[in-house]
N, C-alpha and C. Protein backbone atom coordinates (compact mmCIF):
# COMPACT_ATOMS: atom_id res chain seq x y z
N MET A 1 9.46 -32.62 -12.08
CA MET A 1 8.29 -32.39 -12.91
C MET A 1 7.01 -32.69 -12.12
N GLN A 2 7.03 -33.78 -11.37
CA GLN A 2 5.84 -34.16 -10.62
C GLN A 2 5.55 -33.13 -9.52
N GLU A 3 6.61 -32.57 -8.90
CA GLU A 3 6.43 -31.53 -7.88
C GLU A 3 5.78 -30.29 -8.49
N GLU A 4 6.24 -29.89 -9.70
CA GLU A 4 5.68 -28.72 -10.38
C GLU A 4 4.20 -28.94 -10.66
N LEU A 5 3.83 -30.14 -11.09
CA LEU A 5 2.44 -30.46 -11.36
C LEU A 5 1.61 -30.40 -10.08
N ALA A 6 2.16 -30.92 -8.99
CA ALA A 6 1.46 -30.88 -7.70
C ALA A 6 1.26 -29.44 -7.24
N ASP A 7 2.29 -28.60 -7.42
CA ASP A 7 2.19 -27.18 -7.05
C ASP A 7 1.11 -26.49 -7.88
N LEU A 8 1.09 -26.79 -9.19
CA LEU A 8 0.09 -26.19 -10.07
C LEU A 8 -1.32 -26.62 -9.66
N MET A 9 -1.51 -27.89 -9.39
CA MET A 9 -2.83 -28.39 -8.99
C MET A 9 -3.25 -27.75 -7.67
N SER A 10 -2.31 -27.61 -6.75
CA SER A 10 -2.60 -27.00 -5.45
C SER A 10 -3.03 -25.55 -5.61
N SER A 11 -2.31 -24.79 -6.46
CA SER A 11 -2.67 -23.39 -6.64
C SER A 11 -4.00 -23.26 -7.37
N MET A 12 -4.31 -24.18 -8.27
CA MET A 12 -5.59 -24.13 -8.97
C MET A 12 -6.74 -24.39 -8.00
N GLU A 13 -6.52 -25.28 -7.03
CA GLU A 13 -7.56 -25.59 -6.07
C GLU A 13 -7.84 -24.40 -5.15
N ARG A 14 -6.82 -23.56 -4.90
CA ARG A 14 -6.99 -22.40 -4.02
C ARG A 14 -7.70 -21.25 -4.71
N ARG A 15 -7.71 -21.24 -6.03
CA ARG A 15 -8.33 -20.13 -6.76
C ARG A 15 -9.82 -20.10 -6.51
N GLN A 16 -10.31 -18.91 -6.19
CA GLN A 16 -11.72 -18.74 -5.90
C GLN A 16 -12.47 -18.09 -7.07
N HIS A 17 -11.73 -17.52 -8.01
CA HIS A 17 -12.34 -16.77 -9.09
C HIS A 17 -11.83 -17.28 -10.43
N LYS A 18 -12.72 -17.32 -11.40
CA LYS A 18 -12.35 -17.75 -12.75
C LYS A 18 -11.39 -16.75 -13.37
N ARG A 19 -10.38 -17.26 -14.04
CA ARG A 19 -9.42 -16.41 -14.73
C ARG A 19 -9.74 -16.37 -16.21
N PHE A 20 -9.45 -15.21 -16.82
CA PHE A 20 -9.71 -15.03 -18.24
C PHE A 20 -8.42 -14.62 -18.94
N ALA A 21 -8.14 -15.25 -20.07
CA ALA A 21 -6.94 -14.92 -20.84
C ALA A 21 -7.09 -13.52 -21.43
N VAL A 22 -6.04 -12.73 -21.29
CA VAL A 22 -5.99 -11.38 -21.86
C VAL A 22 -4.57 -11.16 -22.37
N ASP A 23 -4.35 -10.04 -23.01
CA ASP A 23 -3.02 -9.67 -23.46
C ASP A 23 -2.88 -8.17 -23.28
N GLY A 24 -2.04 -7.79 -22.35
CA GLY A 24 -1.83 -6.37 -22.09
C GLY A 24 -0.43 -6.12 -21.57
N PHE A 25 0.08 -4.93 -21.77
CA PHE A 25 1.41 -4.53 -21.30
C PHE A 25 1.29 -4.01 -19.87
N ALA A 26 2.23 -4.40 -19.01
CA ALA A 26 2.19 -3.96 -17.61
C ALA A 26 3.54 -3.43 -17.16
N GLU A 27 3.49 -2.44 -16.27
CA GLU A 27 4.66 -1.98 -15.54
C GLU A 27 4.34 -2.16 -14.07
N VAL A 28 5.30 -2.72 -13.34
CA VAL A 28 5.08 -3.02 -11.92
C VAL A 28 6.23 -2.43 -11.11
N LEU A 29 5.87 -1.65 -10.09
CA LEU A 29 6.85 -1.03 -9.20
C LEU A 29 6.66 -1.61 -7.81
N VAL A 30 7.71 -2.21 -7.27
CA VAL A 30 7.64 -2.69 -5.90
C VAL A 30 7.45 -1.46 -5.01
N ALA A 31 6.52 -1.55 -4.06
CA ALA A 31 6.09 -0.40 -3.26
C ALA A 31 7.24 0.34 -2.58
N ASP A 32 8.30 -0.39 -2.19
CA ASP A 32 9.41 0.30 -1.52
C ASP A 32 10.39 0.92 -2.52
N GLY A 33 10.09 0.81 -3.82
CA GLY A 33 10.91 1.44 -4.84
C GLY A 33 12.16 0.67 -5.23
N THR A 34 12.33 -0.55 -4.74
CA THR A 34 13.55 -1.30 -5.00
C THR A 34 13.59 -1.96 -6.37
N MET A 35 12.45 -2.08 -7.03
CA MET A 35 12.44 -2.77 -8.32
C MET A 35 11.29 -2.28 -9.19
N LEU A 36 11.57 -2.16 -10.47
CA LEU A 36 10.56 -1.86 -11.49
C LEU A 36 10.75 -2.91 -12.57
N PHE A 37 9.66 -3.53 -12.98
CA PHE A 37 9.78 -4.47 -14.10
C PHE A 37 8.58 -4.34 -15.01
N ARG A 38 8.76 -4.82 -16.22
CA ARG A 38 7.71 -4.78 -17.24
C ARG A 38 7.38 -6.20 -17.67
N GLY A 39 6.16 -6.37 -18.15
CA GLY A 39 5.77 -7.69 -18.61
C GLY A 39 4.42 -7.64 -19.32
N ARG A 40 3.86 -8.83 -19.53
CA ARG A 40 2.57 -8.97 -20.21
C ARG A 40 1.56 -9.56 -19.25
N VAL A 41 0.40 -8.95 -19.16
CA VAL A 41 -0.69 -9.52 -18.39
C VAL A 41 -1.26 -10.65 -19.23
N LEU A 42 -1.21 -11.87 -18.71
CA LEU A 42 -1.69 -13.03 -19.46
C LEU A 42 -3.10 -13.45 -19.06
N ASP A 43 -3.44 -13.22 -17.78
CA ASP A 43 -4.80 -13.51 -17.36
C ASP A 43 -5.21 -12.59 -16.23
N ILE A 44 -6.55 -12.49 -16.05
CA ILE A 44 -7.09 -11.58 -15.05
C ILE A 44 -8.35 -12.20 -14.46
N SER A 45 -8.61 -11.87 -13.20
CA SER A 45 -9.85 -12.29 -12.54
C SER A 45 -10.33 -11.10 -11.73
N VAL A 46 -11.45 -11.26 -11.04
CA VAL A 46 -11.94 -10.17 -10.20
C VAL A 46 -11.00 -9.91 -9.02
N ALA A 47 -10.11 -10.86 -8.74
CA ALA A 47 -9.23 -10.74 -7.58
C ALA A 47 -7.78 -10.39 -7.91
N GLY A 48 -7.34 -10.66 -9.14
CA GLY A 48 -5.93 -10.43 -9.43
C GLY A 48 -5.57 -10.74 -10.86
N CYS A 49 -4.25 -10.86 -11.11
CA CYS A 49 -3.78 -11.12 -12.47
C CYS A 49 -2.45 -11.84 -12.42
N TYR A 50 -2.05 -12.35 -13.58
CA TYR A 50 -0.73 -12.98 -13.74
C TYR A 50 0.02 -12.18 -14.78
N ILE A 51 1.28 -11.83 -14.45
CA ILE A 51 2.12 -11.06 -15.36
C ILE A 51 3.34 -11.88 -15.72
N GLU A 52 3.50 -12.11 -17.02
CA GLU A 52 4.66 -12.82 -17.54
C GLU A 52 5.78 -11.80 -17.72
N THR A 53 6.98 -12.15 -17.27
CA THR A 53 8.12 -11.26 -17.42
C THR A 53 9.40 -12.05 -17.49
N GLN A 54 10.39 -11.50 -18.17
CA GLN A 54 11.71 -12.11 -18.21
C GLN A 54 12.61 -11.53 -17.13
N ALA A 55 12.09 -10.56 -16.39
CA ALA A 55 12.87 -9.94 -15.31
C ALA A 55 13.18 -10.98 -14.24
N ARG A 56 14.31 -10.84 -13.60
CA ARG A 56 14.68 -11.73 -12.50
C ARG A 56 14.02 -11.20 -11.23
N LEU A 57 12.84 -11.69 -10.99
CA LEU A 57 12.07 -11.20 -9.85
C LEU A 57 12.64 -11.75 -8.54
N ARG A 58 13.00 -10.84 -7.68
CA ARG A 58 13.48 -11.22 -6.36
C ARG A 58 12.52 -10.61 -5.33
N ILE A 59 11.28 -11.06 -5.41
CA ILE A 59 10.27 -10.57 -4.48
C ILE A 59 9.62 -11.77 -3.81
N ALA A 60 9.35 -11.62 -2.55
CA ALA A 60 8.73 -12.69 -1.78
C ALA A 60 7.21 -12.60 -1.91
N PRO A 61 6.54 -13.71 -1.74
CA PRO A 61 5.07 -13.64 -1.69
C PRO A 61 4.64 -12.66 -0.60
N GLY A 62 3.62 -11.85 -0.92
CA GLY A 62 3.14 -10.85 0.02
C GLY A 62 3.76 -9.48 -0.17
N THR A 63 4.69 -9.35 -1.13
CA THR A 63 5.32 -8.06 -1.40
C THR A 63 4.31 -7.13 -2.08
N GLU A 64 4.19 -5.93 -1.54
CA GLU A 64 3.24 -4.97 -2.10
C GLU A 64 3.83 -4.29 -3.33
N VAL A 65 3.01 -4.14 -4.36
CA VAL A 65 3.44 -3.50 -5.60
C VAL A 65 2.37 -2.53 -6.08
N GLU A 66 2.81 -1.62 -6.93
CA GLU A 66 1.90 -0.70 -7.62
C GLU A 66 2.06 -1.04 -9.10
N MET A 67 0.96 -1.23 -9.81
CA MET A 67 1.07 -1.60 -11.21
C MET A 67 0.18 -0.74 -12.08
N VAL A 68 0.54 -0.69 -13.35
CA VAL A 68 -0.32 -0.04 -14.33
C VAL A 68 -0.32 -0.95 -15.57
N PHE A 69 -1.52 -1.22 -16.07
CA PHE A 69 -1.63 -2.03 -17.27
C PHE A 69 -2.90 -1.67 -18.01
N ARG A 70 -2.91 -2.01 -19.31
CA ARG A 70 -4.05 -1.73 -20.16
C ARG A 70 -4.54 -3.07 -20.72
N VAL A 71 -5.84 -3.30 -20.57
CA VAL A 71 -6.48 -4.50 -21.11
C VAL A 71 -7.79 -4.06 -21.76
N ASN A 72 -7.99 -4.45 -23.02
CA ASN A 72 -9.20 -4.10 -23.77
C ASN A 72 -9.50 -2.60 -23.73
N GLY A 73 -8.44 -1.81 -23.80
CA GLY A 73 -8.61 -0.36 -23.86
C GLY A 73 -8.82 0.32 -22.52
N ILE A 74 -8.86 -0.45 -21.44
CA ILE A 74 -9.06 0.13 -20.11
C ILE A 74 -7.73 0.12 -19.36
N VAL A 75 -7.37 1.26 -18.77
CA VAL A 75 -6.14 1.36 -17.99
C VAL A 75 -6.46 1.11 -16.52
N PHE A 76 -5.72 0.20 -15.92
CA PHE A 76 -5.87 -0.12 -14.50
C PHE A 76 -4.59 0.28 -13.77
N ARG A 77 -4.75 0.83 -12.57
CA ARG A 77 -3.61 1.22 -11.74
C ARG A 77 -3.81 0.71 -10.31
N PRO A 78 -3.88 -0.61 -10.14
CA PRO A 78 -4.13 -1.13 -8.80
C PRO A 78 -2.87 -1.31 -7.96
N MET A 79 -3.07 -1.30 -6.67
CA MET A 79 -2.07 -1.80 -5.73
C MET A 79 -2.35 -3.30 -5.63
N ALA A 80 -1.32 -4.08 -5.37
CA ALA A 80 -1.49 -5.52 -5.31
C ALA A 80 -0.39 -6.12 -4.43
N THR A 81 -0.54 -7.39 -4.11
CA THR A 81 0.52 -8.13 -3.43
C THR A 81 0.88 -9.33 -4.27
N SER A 82 2.16 -9.68 -4.26
CA SER A 82 2.59 -10.85 -5.01
C SER A 82 2.10 -12.09 -4.29
N ARG A 83 1.65 -13.06 -5.05
CA ARG A 83 1.13 -14.30 -4.47
C ARG A 83 2.03 -15.47 -4.81
N ALA A 84 2.37 -15.62 -6.08
CA ALA A 84 3.21 -16.71 -6.54
C ALA A 84 4.23 -16.14 -7.52
N VAL A 85 5.50 -16.40 -7.26
CA VAL A 85 6.56 -15.91 -8.13
C VAL A 85 7.25 -17.11 -8.77
N ARG A 86 7.33 -17.09 -10.09
CA ARG A 86 8.02 -18.16 -10.82
C ARG A 86 9.23 -17.53 -11.49
N LEU A 87 10.41 -17.85 -10.99
CA LEU A 87 11.64 -17.25 -11.49
C LEU A 87 11.77 -17.46 -12.99
N GLY A 88 12.06 -16.38 -13.69
CA GLY A 88 12.24 -16.42 -15.13
C GLY A 88 10.96 -16.55 -15.93
N GLU A 89 9.80 -16.56 -15.25
CA GLU A 89 8.53 -16.72 -15.94
C GLU A 89 7.57 -15.58 -15.67
N GLY A 90 7.31 -15.29 -14.39
CA GLY A 90 6.37 -14.23 -14.06
C GLY A 90 5.87 -14.37 -12.64
N ALA A 91 4.75 -13.69 -12.36
CA ALA A 91 4.21 -13.71 -11.00
C ALA A 91 2.71 -13.45 -11.03
N GLY A 92 2.04 -14.01 -10.04
CA GLY A 92 0.63 -13.77 -9.84
C GLY A 92 0.45 -12.73 -8.76
N PHE A 93 -0.55 -11.87 -8.92
CA PHE A 93 -0.78 -10.78 -7.98
C PHE A 93 -2.24 -10.74 -7.56
N LEU A 94 -2.46 -10.37 -6.31
CA LEU A 94 -3.79 -10.18 -5.74
C LEU A 94 -4.03 -8.69 -5.60
N PHE A 95 -5.11 -8.19 -6.21
CA PHE A 95 -5.41 -6.77 -6.13
C PHE A 95 -5.78 -6.39 -4.70
N LEU A 96 -5.42 -5.15 -4.32
CA LEU A 96 -5.72 -4.62 -2.99
C LEU A 96 -6.59 -3.38 -3.09
N ASN A 97 -7.60 -3.29 -2.27
CA ASN A 97 -8.37 -2.06 -2.07
C ASN A 97 -8.65 -1.27 -3.35
N LEU A 98 -9.30 -1.90 -4.31
CA LEU A 98 -9.65 -1.18 -5.52
C LEU A 98 -10.68 -0.10 -5.20
N ASP A 99 -10.48 1.11 -5.76
CA ASP A 99 -11.48 2.15 -5.54
C ASP A 99 -12.73 1.80 -6.36
N ALA A 100 -13.82 2.52 -6.11
CA ALA A 100 -15.11 2.19 -6.73
C ALA A 100 -15.04 2.23 -8.25
N LYS A 101 -14.35 3.23 -8.80
CA LYS A 101 -14.25 3.36 -10.27
C LYS A 101 -13.50 2.16 -10.86
N MET A 102 -12.36 1.82 -10.25
CA MET A 102 -11.57 0.72 -10.77
C MET A 102 -12.31 -0.61 -10.62
N GLN A 103 -13.02 -0.79 -9.51
CA GLN A 103 -13.79 -2.01 -9.30
C GLN A 103 -14.89 -2.14 -10.35
N THR A 104 -15.57 -1.02 -10.65
CA THR A 104 -16.62 -1.02 -11.67
C THR A 104 -16.04 -1.38 -13.03
N GLU A 105 -14.88 -0.79 -13.38
CA GLU A 105 -14.25 -1.08 -14.66
C GLU A 105 -13.79 -2.53 -14.74
N LEU A 106 -13.25 -3.05 -13.64
CA LEU A 106 -12.82 -4.45 -13.60
C LEU A 106 -14.02 -5.38 -13.74
N ASP A 107 -15.10 -5.08 -13.03
CA ASP A 107 -16.32 -5.90 -13.14
C ASP A 107 -16.86 -5.89 -14.57
N ALA A 108 -16.82 -4.73 -15.23
CA ALA A 108 -17.30 -4.62 -16.61
C ALA A 108 -16.40 -5.43 -17.55
N LEU A 109 -15.09 -5.38 -17.33
CA LEU A 109 -14.16 -6.15 -18.15
C LEU A 109 -14.41 -7.65 -17.98
N ILE A 110 -14.58 -8.09 -16.73
CA ILE A 110 -14.83 -9.51 -16.47
C ILE A 110 -16.14 -9.94 -17.12
N ALA A 111 -17.17 -9.10 -17.05
CA ALA A 111 -18.46 -9.42 -17.68
C ALA A 111 -18.28 -9.55 -19.20
N GLU A 112 -17.50 -8.65 -19.79
CA GLU A 112 -17.23 -8.69 -21.23
C GLU A 112 -16.47 -9.97 -21.60
N LEU A 113 -15.46 -10.30 -20.81
CA LEU A 113 -14.68 -11.50 -21.07
C LEU A 113 -15.51 -12.77 -20.88
N SER A 114 -16.41 -12.74 -19.91
CA SER A 114 -17.31 -13.88 -19.66
C SER A 114 -18.23 -14.10 -20.84
N ALA A 115 -18.74 -13.02 -21.41
CA ALA A 115 -19.67 -13.11 -22.54
C ALA A 115 -18.95 -13.62 -23.79
N ASP A 116 -17.66 -13.26 -23.92
CA ASP A 116 -16.88 -13.69 -25.09
C ASP A 116 -16.52 -15.17 -25.04
N GLY A 117 -16.39 -15.67 -23.81
CA GLY A 117 -15.81 -16.99 -23.68
C GLY A 117 -16.67 -18.12 -23.52
């Protein structure tokens, strides 16, 4: 238990961007096509998101994925890399190379979530 708490504190210290609670459905495809899983987007930031899933994720940190999810009526289709994988719980992802349209939509969503919170 103490190790889990230390890991959580360590990952929180590394975060550079504020996360906002959201609720959205996600589909994630590992870039090499070896796995597809579904889950719920629980939080989002300007840099990435966390997806809760019951799937048995067998992906290493740094694995490239393609995802699609909807949050507050906006559909996002970013490429991302896995950052932290928690077996039986979910995974955190870092967005990669967002195009201008997607970046604008993400910035608008974060601004909306910031105003709400």
